[in-house]
Amino acid sequence: MTTRYYTATSLDGYIADPGNSLDWLMAVPDADTATGDVGEFLRGIGALCLGSTTYEWMANNNPPETWHDNYGDLPTWVFTHRELPVLPGANVRFVVGEVGPVHEQMSAAAAGRGIWIIGGGDLAGQFADAGLLDEVIVGIAPVTLGGGAPLLPRRILSDRMRLVDVERLGQFAKLVYRLS
């Protein structure tokens, strides 16, 4: 079972602009190719994890049925300190606290398949801090934002990361790093 942080980022390392929007990403030609074959990736995923800002953006910027169309009934954990609505068709659990115990729950639910940390960067960083992040997969967009939500606001040096794959996807460069 592998825990992966899989996201898109601007060339200068931001996953959302200063207003927490992803409109900049959707404006990139070939934006739908940024992550490659998501369907194939999802076949290996047994649980999802995201922060409240990512969850809210998805809820506010997609039709209600989009969640189930994209993620089916995959068990999902949303880390939040706020009350949030459950999206129609989403198998969601809202949680607070350390990532370690929640990772154990996600691992059990994933039943041998992977865990996808969709966003945000600080949440992925908490998993890295706890030694629970195995891969960082990032599609780099030909955009600079100058500020916003950072890709991974942690100091992780090269002795912990190894580049294992590089791929061109339209206007995006996809990099895969394995963490130790």
N, C-alpha and C. Protein backbone atom coordinates (compact mmCIF):
# COMPACT_ATOMS: atom_id res chain seq x y z
N MET A 1 0.85 -1.17 0.00
CA MET A 1 0.00 0.00 0.00
C MET A 1 0.90 1.24 0.00
N THR A 2 0.62 2.15 -0.92
CA THR A 2 1.42 3.36 -1.10
C THR A 2 0.56 4.59 -0.87
N THR A 3 1.10 5.56 -0.14
CA THR A 3 0.43 6.84 0.06
C THR A 3 1.06 7.85 -0.88
N ARG A 4 0.22 8.41 -1.77
CA ARG A 4 0.71 9.31 -2.82
C ARG A 4 0.06 10.69 -2.71
N TYR A 5 0.87 11.70 -2.85
CA TYR A 5 0.38 13.07 -3.00
C TYR A 5 0.48 13.37 -4.49
N TYR A 6 -0.67 13.46 -5.15
CA TYR A 6 -0.73 13.62 -6.60
C TYR A 6 -1.49 14.89 -6.90
N THR A 7 -0.83 15.88 -7.50
CA THR A 7 -1.45 17.18 -7.72
C THR A 7 -0.79 17.88 -8.91
N ALA A 8 -1.34 19.03 -9.25
CA ALA A 8 -0.74 19.90 -10.26
C ALA A 8 -0.23 21.15 -9.54
N THR A 9 0.80 21.75 -10.09
CA THR A 9 1.40 22.94 -9.50
C THR A 9 1.82 23.91 -10.59
N SER A 10 1.91 25.18 -10.22
CA SER A 10 2.48 26.17 -11.12
C SER A 10 3.99 25.96 -11.18
N LEU A 11 4.62 26.53 -12.17
CA LEU A 11 6.06 26.40 -12.31
C LEU A 11 6.80 26.93 -11.08
N ASP A 12 6.21 27.94 -10.42
CA ASP A 12 6.85 28.49 -9.23
C ASP A 12 6.37 27.85 -7.92
N GLY A 13 5.70 26.70 -8.04
CA GLY A 13 5.46 25.87 -6.86
C GLY A 13 4.21 26.12 -6.06
N TYR A 14 3.13 26.60 -6.70
CA TYR A 14 1.87 26.83 -5.98
C TYR A 14 0.77 25.94 -6.56
N ILE A 15 -0.03 25.37 -5.64
CA ILE A 15 -1.13 24.50 -6.08
C ILE A 15 -2.45 25.26 -6.18
N ALA A 16 -2.50 26.45 -5.62
CA ALA A 16 -3.67 27.33 -5.73
C ALA A 16 -3.16 28.76 -5.67
N ASP A 17 -3.92 29.68 -6.26
CA ASP A 17 -3.51 31.09 -6.24
C ASP A 17 -3.81 31.69 -4.86
N PRO A 18 -3.46 32.97 -4.64
CA PRO A 18 -3.69 33.57 -3.32
C PRO A 18 -5.15 33.54 -2.85
N GLY A 19 -6.11 33.42 -3.77
CA GLY A 19 -7.52 33.32 -3.41
C GLY A 19 -8.00 31.88 -3.30
N ASN A 20 -7.06 30.93 -3.25
CA ASN A 20 -7.35 29.49 -3.19
C ASN A 20 -8.11 28.97 -4.42
N SER A 21 -7.91 29.62 -5.55
CA SER A 21 -8.58 29.22 -6.78
C SER A 21 -7.66 28.37 -7.65
N LEU A 22 -8.29 27.50 -8.43
CA LEU A 22 -7.58 26.70 -9.42
C LEU A 22 -7.92 27.14 -10.84
N ASP A 23 -8.55 28.30 -10.97
CA ASP A 23 -8.93 28.80 -12.30
C ASP A 23 -7.72 28.91 -13.22
N TRP A 24 -6.57 29.27 -12.68
CA TRP A 24 -5.34 29.36 -13.46
C TRP A 24 -4.99 28.02 -14.10
N LEU A 25 -5.27 26.94 -13.39
CA LEU A 25 -4.97 25.60 -13.90
C LEU A 25 -5.92 25.23 -15.03
N MET A 26 -7.21 25.52 -14.83
CA MET A 26 -8.20 25.17 -15.84
C MET A 26 -8.02 25.96 -17.13
N ALA A 27 -7.32 27.10 -17.05
CA ALA A 27 -7.09 27.95 -18.23
C ALA A 27 -5.92 27.46 -19.09
N VAL A 28 -5.13 26.52 -18.58
CA VAL A 28 -3.98 26.01 -19.34
C VAL A 28 -4.47 25.07 -20.43
N PRO A 29 -4.05 25.31 -21.68
CA PRO A 29 -4.40 24.34 -22.73
C PRO A 29 -3.92 22.95 -22.30
N ASP A 30 -4.70 21.94 -22.58
CA ASP A 30 -4.37 20.57 -22.20
C ASP A 30 -4.47 20.32 -20.70
N ALA A 31 -5.19 21.17 -19.95
CA ALA A 31 -5.30 20.99 -18.49
C ALA A 31 -5.82 19.60 -18.14
N ASP A 32 -6.67 19.05 -18.99
CA ASP A 32 -7.21 17.72 -18.71
C ASP A 32 -6.15 16.62 -18.84
N THR A 33 -5.00 16.94 -19.41
CA THR A 33 -3.92 15.95 -19.53
C THR A 33 -2.88 16.10 -18.42
N ALA A 34 -3.07 17.05 -17.52
CA ALA A 34 -2.06 17.38 -16.51
C ALA A 34 -1.65 16.19 -15.66
N THR A 35 -2.55 15.28 -15.42
CA THR A 35 -2.23 14.16 -14.55
C THR A 35 -2.23 12.83 -15.30
N GLY A 36 -2.33 12.86 -16.61
CA GLY A 36 -2.33 11.61 -17.36
C GLY A 36 -3.65 10.88 -17.22
N ASP A 37 -3.58 9.57 -17.19
CA ASP A 37 -4.78 8.75 -17.12
C ASP A 37 -5.22 8.58 -15.67
N VAL A 38 -6.10 9.48 -15.21
CA VAL A 38 -6.56 9.44 -13.83
C VAL A 38 -7.37 8.18 -13.57
N GLY A 39 -8.13 7.72 -14.57
CA GLY A 39 -8.89 6.48 -14.40
C GLY A 39 -8.00 5.31 -14.05
N GLU A 40 -6.88 5.19 -14.76
CA GLU A 40 -5.93 4.12 -14.48
C GLU A 40 -5.34 4.30 -13.07
N PHE A 41 -4.98 5.52 -12.73
CA PHE A 41 -4.43 5.81 -11.40
C PHE A 41 -5.44 5.42 -10.31
N LEU A 42 -6.71 5.80 -10.51
CA LEU A 42 -7.74 5.53 -9.50
C LEU A 42 -8.01 4.04 -9.29
N ARG A 43 -7.75 3.23 -10.30
CA ARG A 43 -7.95 1.78 -10.13
C ARG A 43 -7.05 1.21 -9.04
N GLY A 44 -5.93 1.88 -8.77
CA GLY A 44 -5.02 1.43 -7.72
C GLY A 44 -5.23 2.13 -6.39
N ILE A 45 -6.27 2.95 -6.30
CA ILE A 45 -6.52 3.74 -5.08
C ILE A 45 -7.69 3.15 -4.32
N GLY A 46 -7.53 3.03 -3.00
CA GLY A 46 -8.59 2.50 -2.15
C GLY A 46 -9.14 3.50 -1.16
N ALA A 47 -8.49 4.67 -1.02
CA ALA A 47 -8.96 5.71 -0.10
C ALA A 47 -8.42 7.06 -0.55
N LEU A 48 -9.20 8.10 -0.27
CA LEU A 48 -8.84 9.48 -0.61
C LEU A 48 -8.68 10.30 0.66
N CYS A 49 -7.86 11.33 0.57
CA CYS A 49 -7.63 12.22 1.70
C CYS A 49 -7.42 13.63 1.16
N LEU A 50 -8.05 14.60 1.79
CA LEU A 50 -7.86 15.99 1.39
C LEU A 50 -8.16 16.94 2.53
N GLY A 51 -7.67 18.15 2.37
CA GLY A 51 -7.93 19.20 3.35
C GLY A 51 -9.23 19.91 3.03
N SER A 52 -9.69 20.70 3.97
CA SER A 52 -10.98 21.37 3.82
C SER A 52 -11.01 22.38 2.68
N THR A 53 -9.92 23.09 2.44
CA THR A 53 -9.91 24.08 1.36
C THR A 53 -10.05 23.41 0.01
N THR A 54 -9.35 22.30 -0.20
CA THR A 54 -9.46 21.55 -1.45
C THR A 54 -10.87 21.00 -1.62
N TYR A 55 -11.41 20.43 -0.55
CA TYR A 55 -12.76 19.87 -0.58
C TYR A 55 -13.78 20.96 -0.91
N GLU A 56 -13.66 22.12 -0.27
CA GLU A 56 -14.59 23.23 -0.54
C GLU A 56 -14.49 23.71 -1.98
N TRP A 57 -13.26 23.81 -2.50
CA TRP A 57 -13.11 24.27 -3.88
C TRP A 57 -13.79 23.29 -4.82
N MET A 58 -13.59 22.00 -4.59
CA MET A 58 -14.23 20.99 -5.44
C MET A 58 -15.75 21.10 -5.34
N ALA A 59 -16.27 21.30 -4.14
CA ALA A 59 -17.72 21.40 -3.94
C ALA A 59 -18.30 22.64 -4.62
N ASN A 60 -17.57 23.74 -4.56
CA ASN A 60 -18.06 25.00 -5.09
C ASN A 60 -17.86 25.19 -6.59
N ASN A 61 -17.02 24.36 -7.20
CA ASN A 61 -16.67 24.58 -8.60
C ASN A 61 -17.01 23.43 -9.53
N ASN A 62 -17.74 22.46 -9.03
CA ASN A 62 -18.13 21.32 -9.85
C ASN A 62 -19.60 21.02 -9.62
N PRO A 63 -20.29 20.50 -10.63
CA PRO A 63 -21.68 20.09 -10.41
C PRO A 63 -21.73 19.01 -9.32
N PRO A 64 -22.82 18.96 -8.54
CA PRO A 64 -22.91 18.02 -7.42
C PRO A 64 -22.61 16.56 -7.77
N GLU A 65 -23.03 16.11 -8.94
CA GLU A 65 -22.83 14.70 -9.30
C GLU A 65 -21.38 14.40 -9.69
N THR A 66 -20.55 15.43 -9.83
CA THR A 66 -19.17 15.24 -10.27
C THR A 66 -18.38 14.34 -9.33
N TRP A 67 -18.59 14.50 -8.02
CA TRP A 67 -17.82 13.70 -7.07
C TRP A 67 -18.00 12.21 -7.35
N HIS A 68 -19.24 11.78 -7.39
CA HIS A 68 -19.49 10.34 -7.59
C HIS A 68 -19.01 9.90 -8.97
N ASP A 69 -19.20 10.75 -9.99
CA ASP A 69 -18.73 10.41 -11.34
C ASP A 69 -17.22 10.19 -11.35
N ASN A 70 -16.48 11.02 -10.60
CA ASN A 70 -15.02 10.95 -10.60
C ASN A 70 -14.44 9.92 -9.63
N TYR A 71 -15.04 9.81 -8.44
CA TYR A 71 -14.42 9.01 -7.37
C TYR A 71 -15.28 7.85 -6.89
N GLY A 72 -16.48 7.68 -7.46
CA GLY A 72 -17.34 6.59 -7.04
C GLY A 72 -17.62 6.67 -5.55
N ASP A 73 -17.56 5.54 -4.88
CA ASP A 73 -17.82 5.54 -3.45
C ASP A 73 -16.55 5.30 -2.64
N LEU A 74 -15.40 5.71 -3.19
CA LEU A 74 -14.14 5.57 -2.45
C LEU A 74 -14.26 6.26 -1.09
N PRO A 75 -13.85 5.59 -0.02
CA PRO A 75 -13.89 6.24 1.28
C PRO A 75 -12.93 7.43 1.30
N THR A 76 -13.43 8.54 1.82
CA THR A 76 -12.70 9.81 1.77
C THR A 76 -12.62 10.42 3.15
N TRP A 77 -11.43 10.89 3.51
CA TRP A 77 -11.22 11.59 4.78
C TRP A 77 -10.89 13.03 4.46
N VAL A 78 -11.62 13.95 5.09
CA VAL A 78 -11.38 15.39 4.93
C VAL A 78 -10.95 15.93 6.29
N PHE A 79 -9.73 16.46 6.33
CA PHE A 79 -9.22 17.08 7.55
C PHE A 79 -9.75 18.50 7.63
N THR A 80 -10.48 18.80 8.71
CA THR A 80 -11.07 20.13 8.84
C THR A 80 -11.37 20.44 10.30
N HIS A 81 -11.42 21.71 10.60
CA HIS A 81 -11.86 22.18 11.92
C HIS A 81 -13.22 22.87 11.80
N ARG A 82 -13.79 22.79 10.61
CA ARG A 82 -15.07 23.45 10.34
C ARG A 82 -16.14 22.45 9.96
N GLU A 83 -17.38 22.86 10.07
CA GLU A 83 -18.50 22.04 9.62
C GLU A 83 -18.64 22.24 8.11
N LEU A 84 -18.63 21.14 7.37
CA LEU A 84 -18.73 21.19 5.92
C LEU A 84 -19.86 20.27 5.46
N PRO A 85 -20.49 20.60 4.33
CA PRO A 85 -21.55 19.73 3.81
C PRO A 85 -20.97 18.49 3.15
N VAL A 86 -21.72 17.40 3.19
CA VAL A 86 -21.31 16.19 2.48
C VAL A 86 -21.79 16.33 1.04
N LEU A 87 -20.87 16.14 0.10
CA LEU A 87 -21.23 16.21 -1.31
C LEU A 87 -22.08 15.00 -1.68
N PRO A 88 -23.08 15.20 -2.54
CA PRO A 88 -23.92 14.06 -2.96
C PRO A 88 -23.08 12.94 -3.56
N GLY A 89 -23.29 11.73 -3.07
CA GLY A 89 -22.58 10.58 -3.59
C GLY A 89 -21.21 10.36 -2.99
N ALA A 90 -20.76 11.25 -2.11
CA ALA A 90 -19.43 11.12 -1.52
C ALA A 90 -19.49 10.29 -0.24
N ASN A 91 -18.55 9.39 -0.08
CA ASN A 91 -18.41 8.56 1.11
C ASN A 91 -17.37 9.25 2.01
N VAL A 92 -17.80 10.31 2.72
CA VAL A 92 -16.89 11.23 3.40
C VAL A 92 -16.93 11.07 4.91
N ARG A 93 -15.74 11.20 5.50
CA ARG A 93 -15.58 11.28 6.94
C ARG A 93 -14.81 12.56 7.23
N PHE A 94 -15.33 13.41 8.07
CA PHE A 94 -14.63 14.63 8.47
C PHE A 94 -13.84 14.33 9.73
N VAL A 95 -12.54 14.69 9.73
CA VAL A 95 -11.67 14.35 10.84
C VAL A 95 -10.85 15.55 11.28
N VAL A 96 -10.40 15.48 12.52
CA VAL A 96 -9.52 16.49 13.12
C VAL A 96 -8.40 15.74 13.82
N GLY A 97 -7.22 16.30 13.81
CA GLY A 97 -6.15 15.70 14.60
C GLY A 97 -4.96 15.26 13.79
N GLU A 98 -4.16 14.42 14.43
CA GLU A 98 -2.92 13.92 13.84
C GLU A 98 -3.21 12.98 12.67
N VAL A 99 -2.31 12.97 11.69
CA VAL A 99 -2.53 12.15 10.51
C VAL A 99 -2.28 10.67 10.76
N GLY A 100 -1.44 10.32 11.73
CA GLY A 100 -1.08 8.92 11.98
C GLY A 100 -2.27 8.01 12.20
N PRO A 101 -3.12 8.30 13.21
CA PRO A 101 -4.27 7.43 13.45
C PRO A 101 -5.25 7.39 12.27
N VAL A 102 -5.39 8.51 11.58
CA VAL A 102 -6.29 8.54 10.42
C VAL A 102 -5.69 7.71 9.28
N HIS A 103 -4.38 7.76 9.13
CA HIS A 103 -3.71 6.94 8.12
C HIS A 103 -3.98 5.46 8.35
N GLU A 104 -3.98 5.05 9.61
CA GLU A 104 -4.30 3.65 9.94
C GLU A 104 -5.72 3.29 9.47
N GLN A 105 -6.67 4.19 9.70
CA GLN A 105 -8.05 3.96 9.25
C GLN A 105 -8.13 3.90 7.73
N MET A 106 -7.43 4.82 7.07
CA MET A 106 -7.43 4.84 5.61
C MET A 106 -6.80 3.57 5.05
N SER A 107 -5.71 3.14 5.65
CA SER A 107 -5.03 1.93 5.19
C SER A 107 -5.95 0.72 5.29
N ALA A 108 -6.67 0.61 6.41
CA ALA A 108 -7.60 -0.50 6.58
C ALA A 108 -8.70 -0.45 5.52
N ALA A 109 -9.24 0.73 5.27
CA ALA A 109 -10.31 0.88 4.28
C ALA A 109 -9.80 0.64 2.86
N ALA A 110 -8.56 1.01 2.60
CA ALA A 110 -7.99 0.86 1.26
C ALA A 110 -7.76 -0.61 0.89
N ALA A 111 -7.70 -1.47 1.86
CA ALA A 111 -7.60 -2.92 1.63
C ALA A 111 -6.49 -3.29 0.64
N GLY A 112 -5.29 -2.79 0.90
CA GLY A 112 -4.15 -3.14 0.07
C GLY A 112 -3.92 -2.24 -1.12
N ARG A 113 -4.87 -1.38 -1.43
CA ARG A 113 -4.67 -0.43 -2.53
C ARG A 113 -4.09 0.86 -1.96
N GLY A 114 -3.78 1.82 -2.80
CA GLY A 114 -3.12 3.04 -2.38
C GLY A 114 -4.05 4.07 -1.75
N ILE A 115 -3.41 5.06 -1.14
CA ILE A 115 -4.10 6.22 -0.59
C ILE A 115 -3.66 7.43 -1.41
N TRP A 116 -4.64 8.25 -1.83
CA TRP A 116 -4.35 9.44 -2.62
C TRP A 116 -4.62 10.66 -1.76
N ILE A 117 -3.56 11.42 -1.48
CA ILE A 117 -3.70 12.73 -0.85
C ILE A 117 -3.88 13.71 -1.99
N ILE A 118 -5.10 14.21 -2.15
CA ILE A 118 -5.42 15.09 -3.27
C ILE A 118 -4.88 16.50 -3.02
N GLY A 119 -4.92 16.98 -1.82
CA GLY A 119 -4.44 18.30 -1.46
C GLY A 119 -4.95 18.64 -0.09
N GLY A 120 -4.41 19.60 0.51
CA GLY A 120 -3.42 20.53 0.08
C GLY A 120 -2.01 20.16 0.51
N GLY A 121 -1.14 21.10 0.20
CA GLY A 121 0.27 20.89 0.43
C GLY A 121 0.65 20.72 1.88
N ASP A 122 0.03 21.50 2.76
CA ASP A 122 0.36 21.37 4.18
C ASP A 122 -0.07 20.00 4.71
N LEU A 123 -1.23 19.52 4.27
CA LEU A 123 -1.69 18.20 4.70
C LEU A 123 -0.71 17.13 4.22
N ALA A 124 -0.29 17.20 2.97
CA ALA A 124 0.70 16.24 2.46
C ALA A 124 1.98 16.35 3.27
N GLY A 125 2.35 17.57 3.66
CA GLY A 125 3.53 17.78 4.49
C GLY A 125 3.40 17.12 5.85
N GLN A 126 2.21 17.12 6.42
CA GLN A 126 2.01 16.45 7.71
C GLN A 126 2.23 14.95 7.56
N PHE A 127 1.78 14.37 6.46
CA PHE A 127 2.04 12.95 6.21
C PHE A 127 3.53 12.70 6.03
N ALA A 128 4.22 13.60 5.33
CA ALA A 128 5.68 13.46 5.16
C ALA A 128 6.38 13.56 6.51
N ASP A 129 5.97 14.52 7.34
CA ASP A 129 6.57 14.68 8.67
C ASP A 129 6.43 13.41 9.50
N ALA A 130 5.31 12.72 9.34
CA ALA A 130 5.03 11.50 10.11
C ALA A 130 5.65 10.25 9.46
N GLY A 131 6.36 10.43 8.34
CA GLY A 131 6.97 9.29 7.65
C GLY A 131 5.94 8.43 6.93
N LEU A 132 4.79 9.01 6.57
CA LEU A 132 3.69 8.25 5.97
C LEU A 132 3.44 8.60 4.51
N LEU A 133 4.28 9.41 3.91
CA LEU A 133 4.13 9.79 2.50
C LEU A 133 5.18 9.04 1.69
N ASP A 134 4.72 8.24 0.73
CA ASP A 134 5.62 7.42 -0.07
C ASP A 134 6.02 8.04 -1.40
N GLU A 135 5.09 8.78 -2.03
CA GLU A 135 5.38 9.37 -3.33
C GLU A 135 4.78 10.76 -3.45
N VAL A 136 5.48 11.60 -4.20
CA VAL A 136 4.96 12.90 -4.62
C VAL A 136 4.92 12.84 -6.14
N ILE A 137 3.72 13.01 -6.68
CA ILE A 137 3.51 13.00 -8.13
C ILE A 137 2.95 14.37 -8.48
N VAL A 138 3.62 15.09 -9.36
CA VAL A 138 3.21 16.46 -9.64
C VAL A 138 3.25 16.75 -11.13
N GLY A 139 2.17 17.37 -11.61
CA GLY A 139 2.12 17.88 -12.97
C GLY A 139 2.44 19.36 -12.91
N ILE A 140 3.53 19.77 -13.55
CA ILE A 140 3.97 21.16 -13.50
C ILE A 140 3.41 21.91 -14.69
N ALA A 141 2.63 22.96 -14.40
CA ALA A 141 1.96 23.76 -15.42
C ALA A 141 2.84 24.92 -15.88
N PRO A 142 2.69 25.35 -17.13
CA PRO A 142 3.45 26.49 -17.64
C PRO A 142 2.81 27.80 -17.20
N VAL A 143 2.76 28.00 -15.88
CA VAL A 143 2.14 29.18 -15.28
C VAL A 143 2.98 29.56 -14.07
N THR A 144 3.15 30.85 -13.82
CA THR A 144 3.70 31.29 -12.54
C THR A 144 2.65 32.15 -11.85
N LEU A 145 2.51 31.98 -10.56
CA LEU A 145 1.47 32.68 -9.80
C LEU A 145 2.04 33.74 -8.87
N GLY A 146 3.29 33.62 -8.48
CA GLY A 146 3.89 34.61 -7.60
C GLY A 146 3.47 34.50 -6.14
N GLY A 147 2.58 33.59 -5.83
CA GLY A 147 2.13 33.40 -4.45
C GLY A 147 0.91 32.50 -4.44
N GLY A 148 0.54 32.08 -3.24
CA GLY A 148 -0.62 31.21 -3.09
C GLY A 148 -0.33 30.08 -2.14
N ALA A 149 -0.99 28.95 -2.33
CA ALA A 149 -0.80 27.78 -1.49
C ALA A 149 0.38 26.97 -2.03
N PRO A 150 1.44 26.81 -1.24
CA PRO A 150 2.62 26.11 -1.73
C PRO A 150 2.39 24.62 -1.96
N LEU A 151 3.12 24.07 -2.90
CA LEU A 151 3.05 22.66 -3.26
C LEU A 151 3.29 21.76 -2.05
N LEU A 152 4.34 22.00 -1.31
CA LEU A 152 4.70 21.17 -0.17
C LEU A 152 5.53 22.01 0.78
N PRO A 153 4.88 22.73 1.68
CA PRO A 153 5.59 23.68 2.54
C PRO A 153 6.38 23.00 3.66
N ARG A 154 7.35 22.20 3.27
CA ARG A 154 8.21 21.49 4.19
C ARG A 154 9.62 21.47 3.62
N ARG A 155 10.57 21.29 4.49
CA ARG A 155 11.95 21.08 4.05
C ARG A 155 12.16 19.58 3.97
N ILE A 156 12.22 19.07 2.75
CA ILE A 156 12.51 17.66 2.51
C ILE A 156 13.70 17.64 1.56
N LEU A 157 14.82 17.19 2.05
CA LEU A 157 16.05 17.25 1.27
C LEU A 157 16.18 16.07 0.32
N SER A 158 17.14 16.19 -0.60
CA SER A 158 17.31 15.20 -1.66
C SER A 158 17.69 13.82 -1.15
N ASP A 159 18.20 13.72 0.06
CA ASP A 159 18.52 12.40 0.59
C ASP A 159 17.27 11.59 0.93
N ARG A 160 16.09 12.25 0.94
CA ARG A 160 14.82 11.56 1.20
C ARG A 160 13.97 11.40 -0.05
N MET A 161 14.38 12.03 -1.17
CA MET A 161 13.57 11.98 -2.38
C MET A 161 14.40 11.46 -3.55
N ARG A 162 13.77 10.57 -4.32
CA ARG A 162 14.45 10.02 -5.49
C ARG A 162 13.51 10.12 -6.68
N LEU A 163 13.98 10.76 -7.75
CA LEU A 163 13.19 10.88 -8.98
C LEU A 163 13.09 9.51 -9.63
N VAL A 164 11.84 9.04 -9.84
CA VAL A 164 11.66 7.71 -10.42
C VAL A 164 10.97 7.74 -11.78
N ASP A 165 10.39 8.90 -12.17
CA ASP A 165 9.75 8.97 -13.48
C ASP A 165 9.57 10.42 -13.90
N VAL A 166 9.67 10.64 -15.20
CA VAL A 166 9.42 11.94 -15.83
C VAL A 166 8.61 11.68 -17.08
N GLU A 167 7.57 12.50 -17.30
CA GLU A 167 6.73 12.30 -18.48
C GLU A 167 6.21 13.66 -18.96
N ARG A 168 6.12 13.82 -20.26
CA ARG A 168 5.51 15.02 -20.84
C ARG A 168 4.05 14.70 -21.13
N LEU A 169 3.15 15.56 -20.61
CA LEU A 169 1.70 15.42 -20.83
C LEU A 169 1.19 16.74 -21.38
N GLY A 170 1.17 16.88 -22.69
CA GLY A 170 0.77 18.14 -23.29
C GLY A 170 1.71 19.25 -22.84
N GLN A 171 1.15 20.29 -22.24
CA GLN A 171 1.94 21.42 -21.75
C GLN A 171 2.55 21.17 -20.37
N PHE A 172 2.30 20.01 -19.79
CA PHE A 172 2.73 19.72 -18.43
C PHE A 172 3.92 18.76 -18.41
N ALA A 173 4.75 18.90 -17.39
CA ALA A 173 5.80 17.93 -17.08
C ALA A 173 5.35 17.20 -15.83
N LYS A 174 5.27 15.88 -15.91
CA LYS A 174 4.87 15.08 -14.75
C LYS A 174 6.12 14.46 -14.14
N LEU A 175 6.32 14.72 -12.85
CA LEU A 175 7.47 14.19 -12.12
C LEU A 175 6.96 13.27 -11.01
N VAL A 176 7.64 12.17 -10.81
CA VAL A 176 7.30 11.24 -9.73
C VAL A 176 8.54 11.07 -8.86
N TYR A 177 8.38 11.40 -7.58
CA TYR A 177 9.45 11.24 -6.60
C TYR A 177 9.04 10.22 -5.55
N ARG A 178 9.93 9.32 -5.21
CA ARG A 178 9.71 8.36 -4.12
C ARG A 178 10.42 8.90 -2.89
N LEU A 179 9.74 8.86 -1.76
CA LEU A 179 10.31 9.32 -0.50
C LEU A 179 10.79 8.14 0.33
N SER A 180 11.84 8.38 1.09
CA SER A 180 12.35 7.35 1.99
C SER A 180 12.35 7.87 3.41
